[in-house]
N, C-alpha and C. Protein backbone atom coordinates (compact mmCIF):
# COMPACT_ATOMS: atom_id res chain seq x y z
N UNK A 1 82.25 -14.19 141.44
CA UNK A 1 81.98 -12.54 141.61
C UNK A 1 81.77 -12.31 140.56
N UNK A 2 81.95 -12.51 139.57
CA UNK A 2 81.35 -11.79 138.02
C UNK A 2 79.99 -12.31 138.32
N UNK A 3 79.57 -13.48 138.43
CA UNK A 3 78.12 -13.96 138.55
C UNK A 3 77.31 -13.37 139.05
N UNK A 4 77.60 -13.18 140.58
CA UNK A 4 76.98 -12.55 141.38
C UNK A 4 77.03 -10.90 140.94
N UNK A 5 78.15 -10.43 140.36
CA UNK A 5 77.77 -8.77 140.22
C UNK A 5 76.73 -8.81 138.85
N UNK A 6 76.67 -9.67 137.99
CA UNK A 6 75.91 -9.82 136.74
C UNK A 6 74.52 -9.81 137.42
N UNK A 7 74.38 -11.00 138.01
CA UNK A 7 73.04 -11.13 138.55
C UNK A 7 72.32 -9.83 139.61
N UNK A 8 73.12 -9.43 139.84
CA UNK A 8 72.68 -8.33 140.68
C UNK A 8 72.54 -6.85 140.30
N UNK A 9 73.02 -6.72 138.76
CA UNK A 9 72.88 -5.69 137.59
C UNK A 9 71.29 -5.81 137.12
N UNK A 10 71.09 -6.81 136.63
CA UNK A 10 69.90 -7.30 135.78
C UNK A 10 69.45 -8.63 136.11
N UNK A 11 68.17 -9.08 135.32
CA UNK A 11 67.97 -10.32 135.35
C UNK A 11 68.62 -11.28 134.23
N UNK A 12 68.95 -12.68 134.48
CA UNK A 12 69.57 -13.03 132.90
C UNK A 12 68.71 -14.23 133.18
N UNK A 13 68.86 -15.01 131.98
CA UNK A 13 68.73 -16.07 131.58
C UNK A 13 69.20 -17.18 131.99
N UNK A 14 68.83 -18.51 132.59
CA UNK A 14 69.62 -19.13 132.84
C UNK A 14 69.68 -20.74 132.20
N UNK A 15 70.90 -21.19 131.52
CA UNK A 15 70.67 -22.38 130.86
C UNK A 15 70.79 -23.58 131.60
N UNK A 16 70.46 -24.53 131.76
CA UNK A 16 70.72 -25.81 132.64
C UNK A 16 70.97 -26.76 131.37
N UNK A 17 72.14 -27.38 131.32
CA UNK A 17 72.29 -28.63 130.57
C UNK A 17 72.89 -29.60 131.52
N UNK A 18 73.39 -30.83 130.84
CA UNK A 18 73.59 -32.05 132.07
C UNK A 18 75.13 -32.59 131.35
N UNK A 19 76.05 -32.84 132.04
CA UNK A 19 77.24 -33.57 131.76
C UNK A 19 77.11 -35.11 132.14
N UNK A 20 76.78 -35.83 131.89
CA UNK A 20 76.21 -36.95 132.55
C UNK A 20 75.24 -36.77 133.35
N UNK A 21 75.24 -37.10 134.78
CA UNK A 21 73.97 -36.56 135.98
C UNK A 21 74.28 -35.39 136.55
N UNK A 22 75.72 -34.59 136.03
CA UNK A 22 75.73 -33.22 136.63
C UNK A 22 75.19 -32.25 136.04
N UNK A 23 74.36 -31.29 136.53
CA UNK A 23 74.16 -30.05 136.09
C UNK A 23 75.06 -29.48 135.74
N UNK A 24 74.80 -28.68 134.57
CA UNK A 24 75.76 -27.41 134.31
C UNK A 24 74.72 -26.00 134.17
N UNK A 25 75.16 -25.35 134.71
CA UNK A 25 74.31 -23.98 134.98
C UNK A 25 75.01 -23.11 134.13
N UNK A 26 74.83 -22.53 133.06
CA UNK A 26 75.47 -21.24 132.46
C UNK A 26 74.52 -20.13 132.45
N UNK A 27 75.19 -18.81 132.29
CA UNK A 27 74.05 -17.69 132.33
C UNK A 27 74.10 -17.33 130.66
N UNK A 28 72.78 -17.24 130.28
CA UNK A 28 72.66 -17.13 128.73
C UNK A 28 72.74 -15.60 128.53
N UNK A 29 72.92 -14.94 127.35
CA UNK A 29 72.94 -13.79 127.08
C UNK A 29 71.89 -13.18 126.05
N UNK A 30 71.22 -12.51 126.39
CA UNK A 30 69.87 -12.15 124.92
C UNK A 30 71.02 -11.54 123.90
N UNK A 31 70.57 -11.92 122.62
CA UNK A 31 71.45 -11.38 121.60
C UNK A 31 72.01 -9.80 121.38
N UNK A 32 71.16 -8.91 121.90
CA UNK A 32 71.88 -7.49 121.82
C UNK A 32 72.75 -7.29 123.20
N UNK A 33 72.97 -8.32 123.68
CA UNK A 33 74.18 -8.10 124.99
C UNK A 33 75.34 -8.21 124.20
N UNK A 34 75.42 -8.72 123.08
CA UNK A 34 76.67 -8.79 122.30
C UNK A 34 76.85 -7.69 121.47
N UNK A 35 78.16 -6.96 121.49
CA UNK A 35 78.54 -5.74 121.05
C UNK A 35 78.40 -5.46 119.48
N UNK A 36 78.95 -6.72 118.91
CA UNK A 36 78.84 -6.19 117.18
C UNK A 36 77.56 -6.31 117.10
N UNK A 37 76.20 -7.19 117.76
CA UNK A 37 75.07 -6.87 117.22
C UNK A 37 74.42 -5.77 117.73
N UNK A 38 74.88 -5.07 118.57
CA UNK A 38 74.18 -3.79 118.82
C UNK A 38 74.57 -2.71 117.93
N UNK A 39 76.10 -2.85 117.55
CA UNK A 39 76.60 -2.31 116.42
C UNK A 39 76.04 -2.35 115.17
N UNK A 40 75.21 -3.44 114.61
CA UNK A 40 74.72 -3.44 113.69
C UNK A 40 73.40 -2.91 113.67
N UNK A 41 72.92 -3.28 114.49
CA UNK A 41 71.22 -2.68 114.65
C UNK A 41 71.47 -1.15 115.02
N UNK A 42 72.48 -0.69 115.63
CA UNK A 42 72.29 1.06 115.50
C UNK A 42 72.80 1.34 113.96
N UNK A 43 73.88 0.76 113.25
CA UNK A 43 74.13 1.00 112.00
C UNK A 43 72.71 1.26 111.21
N UNK A 44 71.72 0.03 111.34
CA UNK A 44 70.60 0.01 110.49
C UNK A 44 69.71 1.25 111.18
N UNK A 45 69.65 1.07 112.02
CA UNK A 45 69.04 2.47 112.89
C UNK A 45 69.05 3.87 111.98
N UNK A 46 70.56 4.46 112.13
CA UNK A 46 70.76 5.59 111.66
C UNK A 46 70.30 5.52 110.21
N UNK A 47 70.91 4.46 109.03
CA UNK A 47 70.68 4.45 107.88
C UNK A 47 69.28 4.53 107.80
N UNK A 48 68.48 3.64 108.03
CA UNK A 48 66.93 3.65 108.25
C UNK A 48 66.28 5.01 108.31
N UNK A 49 66.92 5.86 109.34
CA UNK A 49 66.30 6.87 109.97
C UNK A 49 66.67 8.08 108.94
N UNK A 50 67.59 8.09 108.56
CA UNK A 50 68.19 9.03 107.54
C UNK A 50 67.39 9.24 106.68
N UNK A 51 67.05 7.87 105.82
CA UNK A 51 66.39 7.49 104.45
C UNK A 51 64.94 8.18 104.83
N UNK A 52 64.45 7.95 106.00
CA UNK A 52 62.88 8.23 105.84
C UNK A 52 62.95 10.09 106.13
N UNK A 53 63.75 10.73 106.84
CA UNK A 53 64.20 11.68 107.16
C UNK A 53 64.48 12.79 105.97
N UNK A 54 65.11 12.13 104.97
CA UNK A 54 65.77 12.78 103.63
C UNK A 54 64.78 12.60 102.92
N UNK A 55 64.21 11.66 102.62
CA UNK A 55 63.36 11.09 101.27
C UNK A 55 61.59 11.35 102.02
N UNK A 56 61.18 11.15 102.95
CA UNK A 56 59.57 11.31 103.22
C UNK A 56 59.53 12.52 103.82
N UNK A 57 59.97 13.04 104.60
CA UNK A 57 60.08 14.23 105.85
C UNK A 57 59.64 15.53 104.79
N UNK A 58 60.45 15.77 104.03
CA UNK A 58 60.21 16.69 103.09
C UNK A 58 59.02 16.99 102.74
N UNK A 59 57.85 16.48 102.15
CA UNK A 59 56.59 16.25 101.84
C UNK A 59 55.74 15.92 102.87
N UNK A 60 55.98 15.01 103.83
CA UNK A 60 54.99 14.30 104.80
C UNK A 60 54.69 15.68 106.00
N UNK A 61 55.74 16.57 106.12
CA UNK A 61 55.58 17.26 107.45
C UNK A 61 54.71 18.07 106.73
N UNK A 62 54.98 18.92 106.17
CA UNK A 62 54.50 19.84 105.44
C UNK A 62 52.63 19.67 105.12
N UNK A 63 52.37 18.84 104.56
CA UNK A 63 51.11 18.53 104.13
C UNK A 63 50.55 17.79 105.84
N UNK A 64 51.08 16.96 106.42
CA UNK A 64 50.68 16.78 107.45
C UNK A 64 50.22 17.99 108.71
N UNK A 65 51.25 18.91 108.80
CA UNK A 65 51.41 20.18 109.68
C UNK A 65 50.22 20.95 109.16
N UNK A 66 49.71 21.42 107.81
CA UNK A 66 48.90 21.76 107.51
C UNK A 66 47.36 21.28 107.72
N UNK A 67 46.88 20.26 107.52
CA UNK A 67 46.00 19.27 107.80
C UNK A 67 45.71 19.46 109.48
N UNK A 68 46.68 19.07 110.32
CA UNK A 68 46.72 19.35 111.57
C UNK A 68 46.03 20.16 112.14
N UNK A 69 46.87 21.56 111.80
CA UNK A 69 46.25 23.11 111.96
C UNK A 69 45.15 23.30 111.13
N UNK A 70 44.67 23.03 110.09
CA UNK A 70 43.23 23.19 109.73
C UNK A 70 42.35 22.87 110.70
N UNK A 71 42.52 21.69 111.06
CA UNK A 71 41.31 20.95 111.58
C UNK A 71 41.30 21.54 113.77
N UNK A 72 42.53 21.58 113.85
CA UNK A 72 42.65 21.83 115.56
C UNK A 72 43.63 22.85 115.80
N UNK A 73 43.55 24.03 116.57
CA UNK A 73 44.73 25.11 116.82
C UNK A 73 45.54 23.85 118.13
N UNK A 74 46.62 24.46 117.46
CA UNK A 74 47.64 24.17 118.44
C UNK A 74 48.71 23.76 117.73
N UNK A 75 50.00 22.81 118.64
CA UNK A 75 51.22 22.81 118.05
C UNK A 75 50.90 21.62 117.12
N UNK A 76 51.85 21.58 116.40
CA UNK A 76 51.91 20.24 115.31
C UNK A 76 52.17 18.71 115.86
N UNK A 77 53.46 19.20 116.60
CA UNK A 77 54.13 17.88 117.15
C UNK A 77 53.73 17.88 118.66
N UNK A 78 53.77 16.69 119.14
CA UNK A 78 53.34 16.28 120.55
C UNK A 78 54.35 15.53 121.58
N UNK A 79 54.75 16.17 122.61
CA UNK A 79 56.04 15.35 123.09
C UNK A 79 55.52 15.16 124.42
N UNK A 80 55.95 13.69 124.77
CA UNK A 80 55.54 13.20 126.14
C UNK A 80 56.50 12.34 126.43
N UNK A 81 57.08 12.63 128.15
CA UNK A 81 57.99 11.84 128.51
C UNK A 81 57.87 10.32 128.77
N UNK A 82 58.57 9.55 128.12
CA UNK A 82 58.81 8.04 127.97
C UNK A 82 59.70 7.16 128.38
N UNK A 83 59.66 6.14 129.28
CA UNK A 83 60.43 5.36 129.73
C UNK A 83 61.34 4.71 128.54
N UNK A 84 62.77 4.84 128.73
CA UNK A 84 63.52 4.04 127.46
C UNK A 84 64.45 2.99 128.08
N UNK A 85 65.35 2.53 127.40
CA UNK A 85 66.45 1.61 127.76
C UNK A 85 66.85 2.09 129.10
N UNK A 86 66.68 1.13 130.09
CA UNK A 86 67.12 0.84 131.61
C UNK A 86 66.08 2.07 132.43
N UNK A 87 65.13 2.25 131.76
CA UNK A 87 63.99 2.87 132.47
C UNK A 87 64.47 4.58 132.29
N UNK A 88 65.34 4.84 132.01
CA UNK A 88 65.84 6.07 131.47
C UNK A 88 64.84 7.05 130.71
N UNK A 89 64.51 7.94 131.24
CA UNK A 89 63.41 8.80 130.70
C UNK A 89 63.78 9.51 129.33
N UNK A 90 62.61 9.73 128.63
CA UNK A 90 63.21 10.63 127.17
C UNK A 90 61.78 11.28 126.94
N UNK A 91 62.00 12.38 125.68
CA UNK A 91 60.91 12.62 125.42
C UNK A 91 60.38 12.16 123.79
N UNK A 92 59.80 11.67 123.75
CA UNK A 92 59.03 10.85 122.64
C UNK A 92 58.01 11.94 121.82
N UNK A 93 58.57 11.97 120.63
CA UNK A 93 57.80 13.08 119.77
C UNK A 93 56.70 11.82 118.80
N UNK A 94 55.59 12.97 118.57
CA UNK A 94 54.52 12.60 117.57
C UNK A 94 53.56 13.36 116.87
N UNK A 95 53.07 13.31 115.71
CA UNK A 95 52.53 14.50 115.08
C UNK A 95 51.17 14.35 115.82
N UNK A 96 50.83 15.52 116.39
CA UNK A 96 49.36 15.64 117.42
C UNK A 96 48.31 15.12 116.87
N UNK A 97 47.10 14.18 117.60
CA UNK A 97 46.19 13.92 116.69
C UNK A 97 45.11 13.97 117.41
N UNK A 98 45.12 14.58 119.08
CA UNK A 98 44.58 15.07 119.74
C UNK A 98 44.17 16.82 120.29
N UNK A 99 42.86 17.47 120.39
CA UNK A 99 42.72 18.61 120.60
C UNK A 99 43.44 18.94 121.74
N UNK A 100 43.99 19.94 122.10
CA UNK A 100 44.75 20.36 123.22
C UNK A 100 44.20 20.53 124.31
N UNK A 101 44.08 19.74 125.42
CA UNK A 101 43.36 19.80 126.43
C UNK A 101 44.30 19.37 127.97
N UNK A 102 44.30 19.41 128.96
CA UNK A 102 44.91 18.83 129.98
C UNK A 102 44.90 17.35 130.10
N UNK A 103 44.37 16.77 129.70
CA UNK A 103 44.35 15.04 129.92
C UNK A 103 45.05 14.41 128.62
N UNK A 104 45.58 15.24 127.38
CA UNK A 104 46.01 14.30 126.75
C UNK A 104 47.41 14.13 126.73
N UNK A 105 47.89 14.74 127.75
CA UNK A 105 49.54 14.15 128.30
C UNK A 105 49.29 12.86 129.10
N UNK A 106 48.11 12.58 129.82
CA UNK A 106 48.40 11.58 130.92
C UNK A 106 47.13 10.39 130.61
N UNK A 107 46.41 10.71 130.03
CA UNK A 107 45.03 9.83 129.50
C UNK A 107 45.53 8.93 128.84
N UNK A 108 45.25 7.51 128.55
CA UNK A 108 45.47 6.71 127.76
C UNK A 108 44.43 7.15 126.57
N UNK A 109 44.78 6.87 125.28
CA UNK A 109 43.48 7.04 124.20
C UNK A 109 42.64 5.68 124.26
N UNK A 110 41.65 6.01 124.15
CA UNK A 110 40.70 4.76 124.14
C UNK A 110 39.77 4.97 122.69
N UNK A 111 38.93 3.51 122.25
CA UNK A 111 38.31 3.72 121.14
C UNK A 111 37.44 4.93 121.38
N UNK A 112 37.05 5.60 120.18
CA UNK A 112 35.95 6.74 119.80
C UNK A 112 36.22 7.95 121.14
N UNK A 113 37.50 7.76 121.31
CA UNK A 113 37.77 8.75 122.27
C UNK A 113 37.48 10.48 121.40
N UNK A 114 36.65 11.14 122.29
CA UNK A 114 36.32 12.45 121.63
C UNK A 114 37.47 13.58 121.76
N UNK A 115 38.69 13.23 122.08
CA UNK A 115 39.75 14.30 122.15
C UNK A 115 40.47 14.05 120.56
N UNK A 116 40.31 12.87 120.01
CA UNK A 116 40.92 12.69 118.85
C UNK A 116 40.01 13.50 117.64
N UNK A 117 40.95 14.33 116.92
CA UNK A 117 40.24 14.98 115.78
C UNK A 117 40.27 13.82 114.46
N UNK A 118 39.30 13.98 113.42
CA UNK A 118 39.16 13.28 112.38
C UNK A 118 40.45 12.90 111.80
N UNK A 119 41.12 13.85 111.28
CA UNK A 119 42.41 13.75 110.91
C UNK A 119 43.46 13.01 111.94
N UNK A 120 43.57 13.34 112.93
CA UNK A 120 44.07 12.69 113.87
C UNK A 120 43.86 11.01 114.02
N UNK A 121 42.50 10.88 114.06
CA UNK A 121 42.02 9.27 114.14
C UNK A 121 42.77 8.67 112.77
N UNK A 122 42.73 9.39 111.17
CA UNK A 122 43.57 8.91 110.10
C UNK A 122 44.75 8.64 110.17
N UNK A 123 45.61 9.41 111.11
CA UNK A 123 46.97 9.43 111.49
C UNK A 123 47.50 8.23 112.28
N UNK A 124 46.36 7.75 113.28
CA UNK A 124 46.64 6.79 114.13
C UNK A 124 46.30 5.48 113.86
N UNK A 125 45.54 5.51 112.93
CA UNK A 125 44.99 4.25 112.31
C UNK A 125 45.81 3.66 111.42
N UNK A 126 46.65 4.84 110.91
CA UNK A 126 47.70 4.32 109.67
C UNK A 126 49.30 4.36 110.44
N UNK A 127 49.35 5.00 111.45
CA UNK A 127 50.60 5.30 112.48
C UNK A 127 51.23 5.76 112.00
N UNK A 128 50.95 7.21 110.84
CA UNK A 128 51.78 7.96 110.42
C UNK A 128 52.02 8.89 111.60
N UNK A 129 51.33 9.00 112.74
CA UNK A 129 51.68 9.51 113.62
C UNK A 129 52.64 9.47 114.49
N UNK A 130 53.59 8.51 114.16
CA UNK A 130 54.81 8.09 114.66
C UNK A 130 55.94 8.08 114.35
N UNK A 131 55.46 9.08 112.64
CA UNK A 131 56.87 9.35 111.99
C UNK A 131 57.75 10.30 112.82
N UNK A 132 57.53 11.07 113.45
CA UNK A 132 58.38 12.03 114.09
C UNK A 132 59.26 11.22 114.89
N UNK A 133 58.91 10.21 115.42
CA UNK A 133 60.03 9.32 116.08
C UNK A 133 61.23 8.62 115.61
N UNK A 134 61.37 8.79 114.22
CA UNK A 134 62.57 8.93 113.64
C UNK A 134 63.75 9.86 113.96
N UNK A 135 63.33 11.16 114.48
CA UNK A 135 64.37 11.64 114.67
C UNK A 135 64.65 11.34 116.16
N UNK A 136 63.92 10.73 117.15
CA UNK A 136 64.43 9.83 118.45
C UNK A 136 65.44 8.87 118.18
N UNK A 137 64.91 7.94 117.05
CA UNK A 137 65.88 6.95 116.61
C UNK A 137 67.37 7.47 116.14
N UNK A 138 67.30 8.38 115.58
CA UNK A 138 68.64 9.06 114.98
C UNK A 138 69.35 9.55 115.78
N UNK A 139 68.62 10.22 117.15
CA UNK A 139 69.50 10.92 118.20
C UNK A 139 69.82 9.51 119.04
N UNK A 140 69.49 8.34 119.09
CA UNK A 140 69.90 7.43 119.85
C UNK A 140 68.95 6.89 120.91
N UNK A 141 67.77 7.36 121.28
CA UNK A 141 67.23 6.90 122.63
C UNK A 141 66.14 6.05 122.06
N UNK A 142 65.79 5.77 120.53
CA UNK A 142 65.10 4.39 120.37
C UNK A 142 65.72 3.96 119.25
N UNK A 143 64.92 2.77 118.86
CA UNK A 143 65.35 1.94 117.70
C UNK A 143 64.19 2.19 116.87
N UNK A 144 64.46 1.88 115.51
CA UNK A 144 63.36 1.73 114.40
C UNK A 144 62.50 0.26 115.10
N UNK A 145 63.05 -0.63 115.68
CA UNK A 145 62.16 -1.91 115.94
C UNK A 145 62.88 -2.05 117.29
N UNK A 146 61.48 -2.61 118.49
CA UNK A 146 61.91 -2.57 119.71
C UNK A 146 60.63 -2.52 120.37
N UNK A 147 60.36 -3.02 121.87
CA UNK A 147 59.15 -2.79 122.56
C UNK A 147 58.83 -1.54 122.54
N UNK A 148 57.43 -1.34 122.36
CA UNK A 148 56.73 0.16 122.32
C UNK A 148 57.66 0.87 123.77
N UNK A 149 57.78 2.20 123.82
CA UNK A 149 57.70 2.96 125.17
C UNK A 149 56.65 3.24 125.68
N UNK A 150 56.30 3.09 127.12
CA UNK A 150 55.31 3.51 127.60
C UNK A 150 55.30 4.72 128.59
N UNK A 151 54.41 5.67 128.98
CA UNK A 151 54.29 6.63 129.57
C UNK A 151 54.93 6.09 131.39
N UNK A 152 55.56 7.26 131.80
CA UNK A 152 56.33 6.57 133.03
C UNK A 152 55.33 6.23 133.98
N UNK A 153 53.97 6.97 133.99
CA UNK A 153 52.98 6.24 135.35
C UNK A 153 52.57 5.07 134.75
N UNK A 154 52.79 4.50 133.54
CA UNK A 154 52.32 3.34 133.08
C UNK A 154 53.31 2.01 133.33
N UNK A 155 54.47 2.85 133.28
CA UNK A 155 55.46 1.90 133.37
C UNK A 155 55.64 1.35 134.81
N UNK A 156 55.02 2.47 135.88
CA UNK A 156 55.34 2.31 137.05
C UNK A 156 54.25 1.10 137.57
N UNK A 157 53.11 1.43 137.03
CA UNK A 157 52.15 0.48 137.30
C UNK A 157 52.65 -0.95 136.74
N UNK A 158 52.65 -0.96 135.18
CA UNK A 158 53.06 -2.74 135.11
C UNK A 158 54.23 -3.22 135.54
N UNK A 159 55.08 -2.39 136.16
CA UNK A 159 55.99 -2.79 136.47
C UNK A 159 55.71 -3.76 138.08
N UNK A 160 54.86 -3.17 138.56
CA UNK A 160 54.21 -3.92 139.84
C UNK A 160 53.62 -5.20 139.56
N UNK A 161 52.82 -5.07 138.47
CA UNK A 161 51.86 -6.06 138.58
C UNK A 161 52.19 -7.23 136.76
N UNK A 162 53.10 -6.83 136.47
CA UNK A 162 53.61 -8.00 135.44
C UNK A 162 54.94 -8.31 135.62
N UNK A 163 55.65 -9.30 136.22
CA UNK A 163 56.98 -9.62 136.39
C UNK A 163 58.08 -9.37 135.37
N UNK A 164 57.74 -10.32 134.23
CA UNK A 164 58.64 -9.76 132.98
C UNK A 164 59.07 -8.46 132.23
N UNK A 165 57.66 -7.43 132.74
CA UNK A 165 57.96 -6.15 132.43
C UNK A 165 59.27 -5.39 132.16
N UNK A 166 60.07 -5.52 133.22
CA UNK A 166 61.10 -5.17 133.37
C UNK A 166 62.31 -5.40 132.11
N UNK A 167 62.15 -6.86 131.56
CA UNK A 167 62.92 -7.20 130.62
C UNK A 167 62.63 -6.18 129.21
N UNK A 168 61.65 -5.82 129.26
CA UNK A 168 61.21 -4.61 127.89
C UNK A 168 62.01 -3.45 127.93
N UNK A 169 63.01 -3.50 129.15
CA UNK A 169 63.90 -1.75 129.32
C UNK A 169 65.16 -2.38 129.23
N UNK A 170 65.50 -3.76 128.95
CA UNK A 170 67.08 -4.12 128.81
C UNK A 170 67.38 -3.87 127.16
N UNK A 171 66.65 -3.35 126.42
CA UNK A 171 66.71 -2.59 125.14
C UNK A 171 66.22 -1.35 124.82
N UNK A 172 66.52 -0.76 123.92
CA UNK A 172 65.99 0.52 123.38
C UNK A 172 64.60 0.47 122.90
N UNK A 173 63.43 1.08 123.24
CA UNK A 173 62.13 1.26 122.63
C UNK A 173 62.36 1.47 121.25
N UNK A 174 61.39 1.19 120.32
CA UNK A 174 61.08 1.01 118.90
C UNK A 174 59.81 1.65 118.48
N UNK A 175 59.78 2.25 117.42
CA UNK A 175 58.57 2.80 116.36
C UNK A 175 57.67 1.66 116.58
N UNK A 176 58.31 0.34 116.12
CA UNK A 176 57.15 -0.66 116.01
C UNK A 176 57.91 -1.75 116.50
N UNK A 177 57.28 -2.94 116.70
CA UNK A 177 57.84 -3.89 117.45
C UNK A 177 57.17 -5.49 117.07
N UNK A 178 57.73 -6.33 117.61
CA UNK A 178 56.92 -7.81 117.21
C UNK A 178 55.59 -7.55 117.72
N UNK A 179 55.15 -7.23 118.89
CA UNK A 179 53.77 -7.06 119.50
C UNK A 179 52.95 -6.45 118.62
N UNK A 180 53.81 -4.94 117.81
CA UNK A 180 52.61 -4.24 117.10
C UNK A 180 52.24 -5.19 115.85
N UNK A 181 53.34 -5.38 115.21
CA UNK A 181 53.28 -6.31 113.66
C UNK A 181 52.42 -7.49 114.20
N UNK A 182 51.92 -7.88 114.99
CA UNK A 182 51.11 -9.12 115.24
C UNK A 182 49.75 -8.58 115.82
N UNK A 183 49.88 -7.33 115.56
CA UNK A 183 48.16 -6.86 116.21
C UNK A 183 48.11 -6.52 117.38
N UNK A 184 48.93 -6.53 118.15
CA UNK A 184 49.04 -5.93 119.59
C UNK A 184 48.89 -4.44 119.77
N UNK A 185 47.48 -3.71 119.70
CA UNK A 185 48.17 -2.28 119.58
C UNK A 185 46.60 -1.85 120.29
N UNK A 186 46.75 -0.38 120.55
CA UNK A 186 45.31 0.20 121.06
C UNK A 186 45.20 0.17 122.68
N UNK A 187 44.04 0.32 123.00
CA UNK A 187 43.60 0.35 124.39
C UNK A 187 44.29 -0.94 125.23
N UNK A 188 44.66 -0.74 126.36
CA UNK A 188 44.71 -1.61 127.00
C UNK A 188 43.48 -1.85 128.35
N UNK A 189 42.67 -2.57 128.30
CA UNK A 189 41.71 -2.34 129.14
C UNK A 189 41.95 -3.45 130.52
N UNK A 190 42.81 -4.68 130.11
CA UNK A 190 43.12 -5.39 131.33
C UNK A 190 44.15 -5.78 131.37
N UNK A 191 44.89 -6.17 132.51
CA UNK A 191 46.14 -6.77 132.49
C UNK A 191 46.63 -7.86 131.54
N UNK A 192 45.89 -8.60 131.33
CA UNK A 192 45.96 -9.87 130.36
C UNK A 192 46.43 -9.60 129.24
N UNK A 193 45.59 -8.11 128.62
CA UNK A 193 46.28 -7.71 127.33
C UNK A 193 47.36 -7.40 127.22
N UNK A 194 48.07 -6.54 128.48
CA UNK A 194 49.40 -6.25 128.34
C UNK A 194 50.14 -7.21 128.48
N UNK A 195 49.86 -8.05 129.65
CA UNK A 195 50.94 -9.53 129.49
C UNK A 195 51.21 -10.15 128.09
N UNK A 196 49.96 -10.16 127.01
CA UNK A 196 50.07 -10.84 125.90
C UNK A 196 51.35 -9.95 125.10
N UNK A 197 51.47 -8.59 125.45
CA UNK A 197 52.08 -7.75 124.59
C UNK A 197 53.87 -7.93 125.16
N UNK A 198 53.54 -8.11 126.55
CA UNK A 198 55.17 -8.39 127.22
C UNK A 198 55.46 -9.71 126.79
N UNK A 199 54.89 -10.87 126.43
CA UNK A 199 55.44 -12.02 125.92
C UNK A 199 55.89 -11.83 124.53
N UNK A 200 55.04 -10.85 123.46
CA UNK A 200 56.02 -10.88 122.63
C UNK A 200 57.16 -10.21 122.57
N UNK A 201 57.00 -8.85 123.47
CA UNK A 201 58.49 -8.46 123.71
C UNK A 201 59.84 -9.00 123.74
N UNK A 202 59.38 -10.17 125.22
CA UNK A 202 60.32 -10.84 125.41
C UNK A 202 60.82 -11.75 124.90
N UNK A 203 59.66 -12.48 123.80
CA UNK A 203 60.26 -13.15 122.70
C UNK A 203 61.17 -12.58 121.96
N UNK A 204 60.93 -11.31 121.47
CA UNK A 204 61.55 -10.11 120.72
C UNK A 204 63.21 -10.28 121.02
N UNK A 205 63.11 -9.85 122.53
CA UNK A 205 64.28 -9.66 122.98
C UNK A 205 65.16 -10.63 123.20
N UNK A 206 64.71 -12.11 123.37
CA UNK A 206 65.43 -13.44 123.29
C UNK A 206 65.92 -13.77 121.88
N UNK A 207 65.30 -13.65 121.36
CA UNK A 207 65.54 -14.25 119.69
C UNK A 207 65.88 -13.32 118.66
N UNK A 208 66.35 -11.94 119.17
CA UNK A 208 66.79 -10.85 118.15
C UNK A 208 67.80 -11.37 117.21
N UNK A 209 67.26 -10.65 115.72
CA UNK A 209 68.43 -10.66 114.88
C UNK A 209 67.87 -9.82 113.78
N UNK A 210 68.68 -9.42 113.19
CA UNK A 210 68.69 -8.30 112.16
C UNK A 210 67.36 -8.82 110.77
N UNK A 211 67.45 -10.33 110.55
CA UNK A 211 66.35 -10.74 109.87
C UNK A 211 65.08 -10.60 110.44
N UNK A 212 64.53 -10.24 111.68
CA UNK A 212 63.56 -10.52 112.43
C UNK A 212 63.24 -8.87 112.43
N UNK A 213 63.94 -8.16 112.67
CA UNK A 213 63.58 -6.73 112.41
C UNK A 213 63.34 -6.16 111.02
N UNK A 214 63.68 -7.00 110.19
CA UNK A 214 63.54 -6.22 108.77
C UNK A 214 62.03 -7.21 108.52
N UNK A 215 61.65 -8.09 109.22
CA UNK A 215 60.23 -8.86 108.72
C UNK A 215 59.27 -8.12 109.34
N UNK A 216 59.57 -7.62 110.72
CA UNK A 216 58.61 -6.90 111.35
C UNK A 216 58.58 -5.58 110.70
N UNK A 217 59.49 -4.80 110.16
CA UNK A 217 59.36 -3.43 109.45
C UNK A 217 58.64 -4.08 108.33
N UNK A 218 58.89 -4.92 107.66
CA UNK A 218 58.08 -5.27 106.67
C UNK A 218 56.34 -5.64 106.84
N UNK A 219 56.21 -6.38 108.05
CA UNK A 219 54.67 -6.58 108.85
C UNK A 219 53.94 -5.12 108.53
N UNK A 220 54.89 -4.42 109.46
CA UNK A 220 54.43 -2.89 109.78
C UNK A 220 53.95 -2.17 108.52
N UNK A 221 54.77 -2.30 107.57
CA UNK A 221 54.52 -1.66 106.21
C UNK A 221 53.25 -2.15 105.95
N UNK A 222 52.83 -3.46 105.12
CA UNK A 222 51.82 -3.93 105.12
C UNK A 222 50.70 -3.54 106.16
N UNK A 223 51.03 -3.71 107.33
CA UNK A 223 49.75 -3.18 108.06
C UNK A 223 49.31 -1.61 108.14
N UNK A 224 50.43 -0.71 107.90
CA UNK A 224 49.73 0.83 107.10
C UNK A 224 49.28 0.99 106.12
N UNK A 225 49.53 0.06 105.07
CA UNK A 225 48.95 0.12 103.67
C UNK A 225 47.47 -0.52 103.93
N UNK A 226 47.44 -1.67 104.53
CA UNK A 226 46.13 -2.05 104.36
C UNK A 226 45.31 -1.38 105.99
N UNK A 227 45.86 -0.94 106.42
CA UNK A 227 44.89 -0.25 107.72
C UNK A 227 44.56 -1.38 108.66
N UNK A 228 45.12 -2.26 108.33
CA UNK A 228 44.82 -3.57 109.18
C UNK A 228 45.48 -3.53 110.65
N UNK A 229 45.03 -4.03 111.84
CA UNK A 229 45.66 -3.89 113.20
C UNK A 229 46.26 -2.99 113.66
N UNK A 230 45.50 -1.86 113.15
CA UNK A 230 46.34 -0.51 113.55
C UNK A 230 45.44 0.05 114.59
N UNK A 231 46.07 0.87 115.71
CA UNK A 231 45.82 1.48 116.56
C UNK A 231 44.45 2.86 116.26
N UNK A 232 44.00 3.05 117.09
CA UNK A 232 43.10 4.23 117.18
C UNK A 232 43.26 5.43 118.14
């Protein structure tokens, strides 16, 4: 009964071992199903996001807000409904990088997108536009590291096209992730491109460790400084 209940709630990994010639089947938990691992990850999220909010935001937000306003009228921040853990929707915050228009809320950004301002292009290239999501991390609907959250419409579409896509929603979405650290960023023109990202996300969920999170953050910081493998 316990096995049936668990299988009915979500997909699980199945390990098959052999005792002589007898197959032994066991349900394998991903690391973040372990309560202590979730506590450690959440503690790190709170500490890291507080450090950014206290040490970086007091100077980053005023400077960024001024430059955004000088180039384009409209709000400093942009919010969009995204899919979170267990598909629960939440509002994801960013610095606004596009001119205000009706399509910015739903249409995916493309290379040389005319909606993106010059300063907005810099913010996206360096991923500074993602920094307001540390507020999302602090309140608990995101993590510092995890699969990137998608727009609701894209989640519905890719859930039908890519079978393992559902696994991404077993954990909180992140500001950065293994896929992003490895260079999978920007527009996805083909399903194959999203499949490659999902493979990285699934690998992260199956093999999570605090060490892996720290390495991903280090890779992300290097990518920001060098402006390599960043979005547009």
